[in-house]
Amino acid sequence: MNVQRNLRLVQAAYRQVARKAATTEGEVPNPRFYKLKEIQKKFQVDDGLPVHLKGGFRDTILLDLTYLMVFIGLGMSANTVYKLAFPKQ
């Protein structure tokens, strides 16, 4: 009997949520939604830039820093291989 009561409560709550979602379909609940849409428009512009550089100067800095880290890692890997291939006597 308790299970049936709980089931009816869940069904009633579901109906209220479903009805509210249907009536507020055109409304945006969060004002940050508009800011997100502006950012999405900026990324959709066809200006010849790849998407990982459309963020501006910060993206360029991050890309250059990534290249630097890759080259340092490759250099350290080559150094390790050299030390393993030609150990000190």
PDB file of N, CA and C in Angstrom:
ATOM      1  N   MET A   1       0.818  -1.178   0.000  1.00  0.00           N
ATOM      2  CA  MET A   1       0.000   0.000   0.000  1.00  0.00           C
ATOM      3  C   MET A   1       0.875   1.261   0.000  1.00  0.00           C
ATOM      4  N   ASN A   2       1.952   1.229   0.757  1.00  0.00           N
ATOM      5  CA  ASN A   2       2.871   2.354   0.822  1.00  0.00           C
ATOM      6  C   ASN A   2       3.564   2.562  -0.526  1.00  0.00           C
ATOM      7  N   VAL A   3       3.823   1.479  -1.215  1.00  0.00           N
ATOM      8  CA  VAL A   3       4.465   1.561  -2.521  1.00  0.00           C
ATOM      9  C   VAL A   3       3.536   2.233  -3.528  1.00  0.00           C
ATOM     10  N   GLN A   4       2.258   1.891  -3.482  1.00  0.00           N
ATOM     11  CA  GLN A   4       1.298   2.504  -4.392  1.00  0.00           C
ATOM     12  C   GLN A   4       1.172   4.001  -4.130  1.00  0.00           C
ATOM     13  N   ARG A   5       1.194   4.399  -2.862  1.00  0.00           N
ATOM     14  CA  ARG A   5       1.106   5.819  -2.520  1.00  0.00           C
ATOM     15  C   ARG A   5       2.332   6.563  -3.052  1.00  0.00           C
ATOM     16  N   ASN A   6       3.507   5.978  -2.866  1.00  0.00           N
ATOM     17  CA  ASN A   6       4.733   6.597  -3.368  1.00  0.00           C
ATOM     18  C   ASN A   6       4.721   6.694  -4.890  1.00  0.00           C
ATOM     19  N   LEU A   7       4.210   5.674  -5.539  1.00  0.00           N
ATOM     20  CA  LEU A   7       4.130   5.685  -7.003  1.00  0.00           C
ATOM     21  C   LEU A   7       3.210   6.802  -7.480  1.00  0.00           C
ATOM     22  N   ARG A   8       2.073   6.991  -6.789  1.00  0.00           N
ATOM     23  CA  ARG A   8       1.165   8.081  -7.171  1.00  0.00           C
ATOM     24  C   ARG A   8       1.809   9.447  -6.969  1.00  0.00           C
ATOM     25  N   LEU A   9       2.586   9.592  -5.899  1.00  0.00           N
ATOM     26  CA  LEU A   9       3.275  10.861  -5.656  1.00  0.00           C
ATOM     27  C   LEU A   9       4.312  11.142  -6.749  1.00  0.00           C
ATOM     28  N   VAL A  10       5.028  10.116  -7.133  1.00  0.00           N
ATOM     29  CA  VAL A  10       6.038  10.273  -8.188  1.00  0.00           C
ATOM     30  C   VAL A  10       5.367  10.621  -9.513  1.00  0.00           C
ATOM     31  N   GLN A  11       4.253   9.953  -9.811  1.00  0.00           N
ATOM     32  CA  GLN A  11       3.540  10.254 -11.054  1.00  0.00           C
ATOM     33  C   GLN A  11       2.993  11.674 -11.050  1.00  0.00           C
ATOM     34  N   ALA A  12       2.492  12.139  -9.916  1.00  0.00           N
ATOM     35  CA  ALA A  12       1.970  13.503  -9.827  1.00  0.00           C
ATOM     36  C   ALA A  12       3.097  14.519 -10.010  1.00  0.00           C
ATOM     37  N   ALA A  13       4.220  14.262  -9.390  1.00  0.00           N
ATOM     38  CA  ALA A  13       5.366  15.165  -9.533  1.00  0.00           C
ATOM     39  C   ALA A  13       5.840  15.185 -10.983  1.00  0.00           C
ATOM     40  N   TYR A  14       5.870  14.035 -11.629  1.00  0.00           N
ATOM     41  CA  TYR A  14       6.292  13.960 -13.030  1.00  0.00           C
ATOM     42  C   TYR A  14       5.342  14.767 -13.921  1.00  0.00           C
ATOM     43  N   ARG A  15       4.039  14.647 -13.655  1.00  0.00           N
ATOM     44  CA  ARG A  15       3.067  15.398 -14.449  1.00  0.00           C
ATOM     45  C   ARG A  15       3.277  16.904 -14.303  1.00  0.00           C
ATOM     46  N   GLN A  16       3.554  17.357 -13.095  1.00  0.00           N
ATOM     47  CA  GLN A  16       3.778  18.786 -12.881  1.00  0.00           C
ATOM     48  C   GLN A  16       5.026  19.264 -13.619  1.00  0.00           C
ATOM     49  N   VAL A  17       6.086  18.489 -13.565  1.00  0.00           N
ATOM     50  CA  VAL A  17       7.326  18.864 -14.243  1.00  0.00           C
ATOM     51  C   VAL A  17       7.115  18.862 -15.746  1.00  0.00           C
ATOM     52  N   ALA A  18       6.457  17.849 -16.264  1.00  0.00           N
ATOM     53  CA  ALA A  18       6.220  17.761 -17.703  1.00  0.00           C
ATOM     54  C   ALA A  18       5.322  18.899 -18.173  1.00  0.00           C
ATOM     55  N   ARG A  19       4.318  19.243 -17.404  1.00  0.00           N
ATOM     56  CA  ARG A  19       3.416  20.330 -17.777  1.00  0.00           C
ATOM     57  C   ARG A  19       4.161  21.665 -17.750  1.00  0.00           C
ATOM     58  N   LYS A  20       4.993  21.889 -16.737  1.00  0.00           N
ATOM     59  CA  LYS A  20       5.741  23.131 -16.626  1.00  0.00           C
ATOM     60  C   LYS A  20       6.734  23.251 -17.772  1.00  0.00           C
ATOM     61  N   ALA A  21       7.388  22.169 -18.153  1.00  0.00           N
ATOM     62  CA  ALA A  21       8.347  22.205 -19.261  1.00  0.00           C
ATOM     63  C   ALA A  21       7.650  22.525 -20.568  1.00  0.00           C
ATOM     64  N   ALA A  22       6.440  22.044 -20.728  1.00  0.00           N
ATOM     65  CA  ALA A  22       5.715  22.309 -21.967  1.00  0.00           C
ATOM     66  C   ALA A  22       5.253  23.754 -22.048  1.00  0.00           C
ATOM     67  N   THR A  23       4.934  24.367 -20.911  1.00  0.00           N
ATOM     68  CA  THR A  23       4.436  25.743 -20.947  1.00  0.00           C
ATOM     69  C   THR A  23       5.558  26.759 -21.052  1.00  0.00           C
ATOM     70  N   THR A  24       6.760  26.427 -20.620  1.00  0.00           N
ATOM     71  CA  THR A  24       7.872  27.383 -20.632  1.00  0.00           C
ATOM     72  C   THR A  24       8.885  27.051 -21.708  1.00  0.00           C
ATOM     73  N   GLU A  25       8.435  26.508 -22.807  1.00  0.00           N
ATOM     74  CA  GLU A  25       9.363  26.066 -23.847  1.00  0.00           C
ATOM     75  C   GLU A  25      10.137  27.224 -24.462  1.00  0.00           C
ATOM     76  N   GLY A  26       9.506  28.395 -24.646  1.00  0.00           N
ATOM     77  CA  GLY A  26      10.164  29.517 -25.286  1.00  0.00           C
ATOM     78  C   GLY A  26      11.019  30.346 -24.345  1.00  0.00           C
ATOM     79  N   GLU A  27      10.916  30.124 -23.052  1.00  0.00           N
ATOM     80  CA  GLU A  27      11.657  30.902 -22.075  1.00  0.00           C
ATOM     81  C   GLU A  27      13.040  30.318 -21.837  1.00  0.00           C
ATOM     82  N   VAL A  28      13.985  31.193 -21.507  1.00  0.00           N
ATOM     83  CA  VAL A  28      15.333  30.760 -21.165  1.00  0.00           C
ATOM     84  C   VAL A  28      15.500  30.947 -19.665  1.00  0.00           C
ATOM     85  N   PRO A  29      15.762  29.883 -18.930  1.00  0.00           N
ATOM     86  CA  PRO A  29      15.799  29.992 -17.480  1.00  0.00           C
ATOM     87  C   PRO A  29      17.031  30.710 -16.942  1.00  0.00           C
ATOM     88  N   ASN A  30      18.127  30.743 -17.686  1.00  0.00           N
ATOM     89  CA  ASN A  30      19.372  31.269 -17.176  1.00  0.00           C
ATOM     90  C   ASN A  30      19.866  32.403 -18.074  1.00  0.00           C
ATOM     91  N   PRO A  31      20.178  33.575 -17.514  1.00  0.00           N
ATOM     92  CA  PRO A  31      20.656  34.676 -18.357  1.00  0.00           C
ATOM     93  C   PRO A  31      22.034  34.419 -18.966  1.00  0.00           C
ATOM     94  N   ARG A  32      22.793  33.490 -18.400  1.00  0.00           N
ATOM     95  CA  ARG A  32      24.106  33.172 -18.988  1.00  0.00           C
ATOM     96  C   ARG A  32      23.967  32.476 -20.333  1.00  0.00           C
ATOM     97  N   PHE A  33      22.763  32.009 -20.628  1.00  0.00           N
ATOM     98  CA  PHE A  33      22.495  31.365 -21.905  1.00  0.00           C
ATOM     99  C   PHE A  33      22.804  32.310 -23.066  1.00  0.00           C
ATOM    100  N   TYR A  34      22.443  33.589 -22.915  1.00  0.00           N
ATOM    101  CA  TYR A  34      22.673  34.564 -23.987  1.00  0.00           C
ATOM    102  C   TYR A  34      24.160  34.832 -24.184  1.00  0.00           C
ATOM    103  N   LYS A  35      24.916  34.842 -23.089  1.00  0.00           N
ATOM    104  CA  LYS A  35      26.367  35.021 -23.191  1.00  0.00           C
ATOM    105  C   LYS A  35      27.002  33.827 -23.924  1.00  0.00           C
ATOM    106  N   LEU A  36      26.518  32.635 -23.608  1.00  0.00           N
ATOM    107  CA  LEU A  36      27.011  31.442 -24.288  1.00  0.00           C
ATOM    108  C   LEU A  36      26.693  31.496 -25.777  1.00  0.00           C
ATOM    109  N   LYS A  37      25.499  31.964 -26.131  1.00  0.00           N
ATOM    110  CA  LYS A  37      25.129  32.066 -27.542  1.00  0.00           C
ATOM    111  C   LYS A  37      26.017  33.060 -28.282  1.00  0.00           C
ATOM    112  N   GLU A  38      26.414  34.151 -27.636  1.00  0.00           N
ATOM    113  CA  GLU A  38      27.322  35.122 -28.265  1.00  0.00           C
ATOM    114  C   GLU A  38      28.690  34.497 -28.505  1.00  0.00           C
ATOM    115  N   ILE A  39      29.165  33.719 -27.550  1.00  0.00           N
ATOM    116  CA  ILE A  39      30.450  33.043 -27.716  1.00  0.00           C
ATOM    117  C   ILE A  39      30.357  32.036 -28.860  1.00  0.00           C
ATOM    118  N   GLN A  40      29.253  31.313 -28.956  1.00  0.00           N
ATOM    119  CA  GLN A  40      29.079  30.352 -30.047  1.00  0.00           C
ATOM    120  C   GLN A  40      29.050  31.047 -31.397  1.00  0.00           C
ATOM    121  N   LYS A  41      28.433  32.226 -31.472  1.00  0.00           N
ATOM    122  CA  LYS A  41      28.424  32.971 -32.733  1.00  0.00           C
ATOM    123  C   LYS A  41      29.828  33.366 -33.141  1.00  0.00           C
ATOM    124  N   LYS A  42      30.661  33.745 -32.166  1.00  0.00           N
ATOM    125  CA  LYS A  42      32.043  34.126 -32.457  1.00  0.00           C
ATOM    126  C   LYS A  42      32.814  32.946 -33.057  1.00  0.00           C
ATOM    127  N   PHE A  43      32.542  31.756 -32.579  1.00  0.00           N
ATOM    128  CA  PHE A  43      33.251  30.584 -33.087  1.00  0.00           C
ATOM    129  C   PHE A  43      32.697  30.104 -34.428  1.00  0.00           C
ATOM    130  N   GLN A  44      31.495  30.516 -34.802  1.00  0.00           N
ATOM    131  CA  GLN A  44      30.898  30.095 -36.061  1.00  0.00           C
ATOM    132  C   GLN A  44      31.289  30.978 -37.235  1.00  0.00           C
ATOM    133  N   VAL A  45      31.904  32.140 -36.985  1.00  0.00           N
ATOM    134  CA  VAL A  45      32.285  33.062 -38.053  1.00  0.00           C
ATOM    135  C   VAL A  45      33.376  32.424 -38.906  1.00  0.00           C
ATOM    136  N   ASP A  46      33.215  32.511 -40.225  1.00  0.00           N
ATOM    137  CA  ASP A  46      34.205  31.939 -41.143  1.00  0.00           C
ATOM    138  C   ASP A  46      35.255  33.004 -41.447  1.00  0.00           C
ATOM    139  N   ASP A  47      36.307  33.059 -40.614  1.00  0.00           N
ATOM    140  CA  ASP A  47      37.355  34.048 -40.799  1.00  0.00           C
ATOM    141  C   ASP A  47      38.695  33.417 -41.161  1.00  0.00           C
ATOM    142  N   GLY A  48      38.696  32.133 -41.468  1.00  0.00           N
ATOM    143  CA  GLY A  48      39.914  31.461 -41.900  1.00  0.00           C
ATOM    144  C   GLY A  48      40.775  30.940 -40.761  1.00  0.00           C
ATOM    145  N   LEU A  49      40.416  31.219 -39.534  1.00  0.00           N
ATOM    146  CA  LEU A  49      41.190  30.730 -38.398  1.00  0.00           C
ATOM    147  C   LEU A  49      40.689  29.356 -37.972  1.00  0.00           C
ATOM    148  N   PRO A  50      41.599  28.482 -37.558  1.00  0.00           N
ATOM    149  CA  PRO A  50      41.136  27.217 -36.988  1.00  0.00           C
ATOM    150  C   PRO A  50      40.455  27.477 -35.642  1.00  0.00           C
ATOM    151  N   VAL A  51      39.622  26.570 -35.234  1.00  0.00           N
ATOM    152  CA  VAL A  51      38.803  26.784 -34.046  1.00  0.00           C
ATOM    153  C   VAL A  51      39.663  26.914 -32.784  1.00  0.00           C
ATOM    154  N   HIS A  52      40.838  26.293 -32.750  1.00  0.00           N
ATOM    155  CA  HIS A  52      41.660  26.376 -31.549  1.00  0.00           C
ATOM    156  C   HIS A  52      42.392  27.711 -31.435  1.00  0.00           C
ATOM    157  N   LEU A  53      42.256  28.598 -32.415  1.00  0.00           N
ATOM    158  CA  LEU A  53      42.860  29.928 -32.334  1.00  0.00           C
ATOM    159  C   LEU A  53      41.830  31.057 -32.328  1.00  0.00           C
ATOM    160  N   LYS A  54      40.554  30.737 -32.331  1.00  0.00           N
ATOM    161  CA  LYS A  54      39.526  31.767 -32.399  1.00  0.00           C
ATOM    162  C   LYS A  54      39.326  32.486 -31.074  1.00  0.00           C
ATOM    163  N   GLY A  55      39.936  32.015 -30.009  1.00  0.00           N
ATOM    164  CA  GLY A  55      39.799  32.660 -28.714  1.00  0.00           C
ATOM    165  C   GLY A  55      40.650  33.901 -28.576  1.00  0.00           C
ATOM    166  N   GLY A  56      41.553  34.145 -29.514  1.00  0.00           N
ATOM    167  CA  GLY A  56      42.362  35.359 -29.480  1.00  0.00           C
ATOM    168  C   GLY A  56      43.787  35.108 -29.016  1.00  0.00           C
ATOM    169  N   PHE A  57      44.321  36.117 -28.365  1.00  0.00           N
ATOM    170  CA  PHE A  57      45.729  36.105 -27.973  1.00  0.00           C
ATOM    171  C   PHE A  57      46.045  34.988 -26.984  1.00  0.00           C
ATOM    172  N   ARG A  58      45.124  34.721 -26.046  1.00  0.00           N
ATOM    173  CA  ARG A  58      45.369  33.651 -25.063  1.00  0.00           C
ATOM    174  C   ARG A  58      45.527  32.301 -25.743  1.00  0.00           C
ATOM    175  N   ASP A  59      44.727  32.045 -26.774  1.00  0.00           N
ATOM    176  CA  ASP A  59      44.852  30.769 -27.481  1.00  0.00           C
ATOM    177  C   ASP A  59      46.195  30.657 -28.192  1.00  0.00           C
ATOM    178  N   THR A  60      46.680  31.764 -28.746  1.00  0.00           N
ATOM    179  CA  THR A  60      47.982  31.761 -29.412  1.00  0.00           C
ATOM    180  C   THR A  60      49.090  31.470 -28.406  1.00  0.00           C
ATOM    181  N   ILE A  61      49.009  32.094 -27.234  1.00  0.00           N
ATOM    182  CA  ILE A  61      50.004  31.848 -26.185  1.00  0.00           C
ATOM    183  C   ILE A  61      49.968  30.389 -25.745  1.00  0.00           C
ATOM    184  N   LEU A  62      48.768  29.847 -25.545  1.00  0.00           N
ATOM    185  CA  LEU A  62      48.655  28.448 -25.124  1.00  0.00           C
ATOM    186  C   LEU A  62      49.203  27.496 -26.180  1.00  0.00           C
ATOM    187  N   LEU A  63      48.967  27.800 -27.456  1.00  0.00           N
ATOM    188  CA  LEU A  63      49.476  26.957 -28.527  1.00  0.00           C
ATOM    189  C   LEU A  63      51.004  26.996 -28.561  1.00  0.00           C
ATOM    190  N   ASP A  64      51.575  28.201 -28.427  1.00  0.00           N
ATOM    191  CA  ASP A  64      53.034  28.321 -28.421  1.00  0.00           C
ATOM    192  C   ASP A  64      53.641  27.622 -27.210  1.00  0.00           C
ATOM    193  N   LEU A  65      52.990  27.730 -26.065  1.00  0.00           N
ATOM    194  CA  LEU A  65      53.470  27.043 -24.863  1.00  0.00           C
ATOM    195  C   LEU A  65      53.408  25.526 -25.042  1.00  0.00           C
ATOM    196  N   THR A  66      52.371  25.049 -25.707  1.00  0.00           N
ATOM    197  CA  THR A  66      52.260  23.614 -25.985  1.00  0.00           C
ATOM    198  C   THR A  66      53.374  23.143 -26.903  1.00  0.00           C
ATOM    199  N   TYR A  67      53.651  23.927 -27.958  1.00  0.00           N
ATOM    200  CA  TYR A  67      54.764  23.576 -28.847  1.00  0.00           C
ATOM    201  C   TYR A  67      56.079  23.532 -28.081  1.00  0.00           C
ATOM    202  N   LEU A  68      56.313  24.518 -27.219  1.00  0.00           N
ATOM    203  CA  LEU A  68      57.543  24.554 -26.435  1.00  0.00           C
ATOM    204  C   LEU A  68      57.670  23.311 -25.554  1.00  0.00           C
ATOM    205  N   MET A  69      56.581  22.939 -24.895  1.00  0.00           N
ATOM    206  CA  MET A  69      56.616  21.757 -24.028  1.00  0.00           C
ATOM    207  C   MET A  69      56.866  20.482 -24.829  1.00  0.00           C
ATOM    208  N   VAL A  70      56.308  20.398 -26.033  1.00  0.00           N
ATOM    209  CA  VAL A  70      56.524  19.221 -26.876  1.00  0.00           C
ATOM    210  C   VAL A  70      57.987  19.126 -27.287  1.00  0.00           C
ATOM    211  N   PHE A  71      58.571  20.263 -27.699  1.00  0.00           N
ATOM    212  CA  PHE A  71      59.975  20.240 -28.114  1.00  0.00           C
ATOM    213  C   PHE A  71      60.902  19.926 -26.950  1.00  0.00           C
ATOM    214  N   ILE A  72      60.592  20.442 -25.770  1.00  0.00           N
ATOM    215  CA  ILE A  72      61.404  20.108 -24.591  1.00  0.00           C
ATOM    216  C   ILE A  72      61.281  18.620 -24.280  1.00  0.00           C
ATOM    217  N   GLY A  73      60.072  18.078 -24.363  1.00  0.00           N
ATOM    218  CA  GLY A  73      59.878  16.645 -24.115  1.00  0.00           C
ATOM    219  C   GLY A  73      60.602  15.786 -25.132  1.00  0.00           C
ATOM    220  N   LEU A  74      60.580  16.195 -26.405  1.00  0.00           N
ATOM    221  CA  LEU A  74      61.316  15.442 -27.426  1.00  0.00           C
ATOM    222  C   LEU A  74      62.812  15.496 -27.176  1.00  0.00           C
ATOM    223  N   GLY A  75      63.313  16.661 -26.787  1.00  0.00           N
ATOM    224  CA  GLY A  75      64.743  16.789 -26.483  1.00  0.00           C
ATOM    225  C   GLY A  75      65.152  15.924 -25.308  1.00  0.00           C
ATOM    226  N   MET A  76      64.319  15.913 -24.268  1.00  0.00           N
ATOM    227  CA  MET A  76      64.625  15.077 -23.103  1.00  0.00           C
ATOM    228  C   MET A  76      64.545  13.595 -23.459  1.00  0.00           C
ATOM    229  N   SER A  77      63.623  13.222 -24.323  1.00  0.00           N
ATOM    230  CA  SER A  77      63.521  11.828 -24.760  1.00  0.00           C
ATOM    231  C   SER A  77      64.757  11.430 -25.559  1.00  0.00           C
ATOM    232  N   ALA A  78      65.186  12.306 -26.462  1.00  0.00           N
ATOM    233  CA  ALA A  78      66.388  12.013 -27.249  1.00  0.00           C
ATOM    234  C   ALA A  78      67.605  11.901 -26.336  1.00  0.00           C
ATOM    235  N   ASN A  79      67.695  12.754 -25.320  1.00  0.00           N
ATOM    236  CA  ASN A  79      68.805  12.697 -24.366  1.00  0.00           C
ATOM    237  C   ASN A  79      68.796  11.372 -23.611  1.00  0.00           C
ATOM    238  N   THR A  80      67.624  10.913 -23.200  1.00  0.00           N
ATOM    239  CA  THR A  80      67.517   9.643 -22.481  1.00  0.00           C
ATOM    240  C   THR A  80      67.915   8.475 -23.369  1.00  0.00           C
ATOM    241  N   VAL A  81      67.475   8.487 -24.615  1.00  0.00           N
ATOM    242  CA  VAL A  81      67.848   7.417 -25.536  1.00  0.00           C
ATOM    243  C   VAL A  81      69.358   7.424 -25.757  1.00  0.00           C
ATOM    244  N   TYR A  82      69.957   8.594 -25.890  1.00  0.00           N
ATOM    245  CA  TYR A  82      71.409   8.686 -26.083  1.00  0.00           C
ATOM    246  C   TYR A  82      72.149   8.137 -24.871  1.00  0.00           C
ATOM    247  N   LYS A  83      71.699   8.511 -23.671  1.00  0.00           N
ATOM    248  CA  LYS A  83      72.363   8.015 -22.445  1.00  0.00           C
ATOM    249  C   LYS A  83      72.219   6.503 -22.312  1.00  0.00           C
ATOM    250  N   LEU A  84      71.094   5.959 -22.732  1.00  0.00           N
ATOM    251  CA  LEU A  84      70.923   4.501 -22.664  1.00  0.00           C
ATOM    252  C   LEU A  84      71.737   3.783 -23.734  1.00  0.00           C
ATOM    253  N   ALA A  85      71.898   4.405 -24.898  1.00  0.00           N
ATOM    254  CA  ALA A  85      72.637   3.773 -25.984  1.00  0.00           C
ATOM    255  C   ALA A  85      74.146   3.824 -25.738  1.00  0.00           C
ATOM    256  N   PHE A  86      74.634   4.912 -25.135  1.00  0.00           N
ATOM    257  CA  PHE A  86      76.054   5.079 -24.896  1.00  0.00           C
ATOM    258  C   PHE A  86      76.306   5.374 -23.419  1.00  0.00           C
ATOM    259  N   PRO A  87      76.257   4.340 -22.597  1.00  0.00           N
ATOM    260  CA  PRO A  87      76.449   4.560 -21.152  1.00  0.00           C
ATOM    261  C   PRO A  87      77.900   4.967 -20.847  1.00  0.00           C
ATOM    262  N   LYS A  88      78.092   5.649 -19.703  1.00  0.00           N
ATOM    263  CA  LYS A  88      79.445   6.028 -19.295  1.00  0.00           C
ATOM    264  C   LYS A  88      80.215   4.778 -18.885  1.00  0.00           C
ATOM    265  N   GLN A  89      81.493   4.788 -19.180  1.00  0.00           N
ATOM    266  CA  GLN A  89      82.342   3.615 -18.884  1.00  0.00           C
ATOM    267  C   GLN A  89      82.685   3.524 -17.433  1.00  0.00           C
TER     268      GLN A  89
END
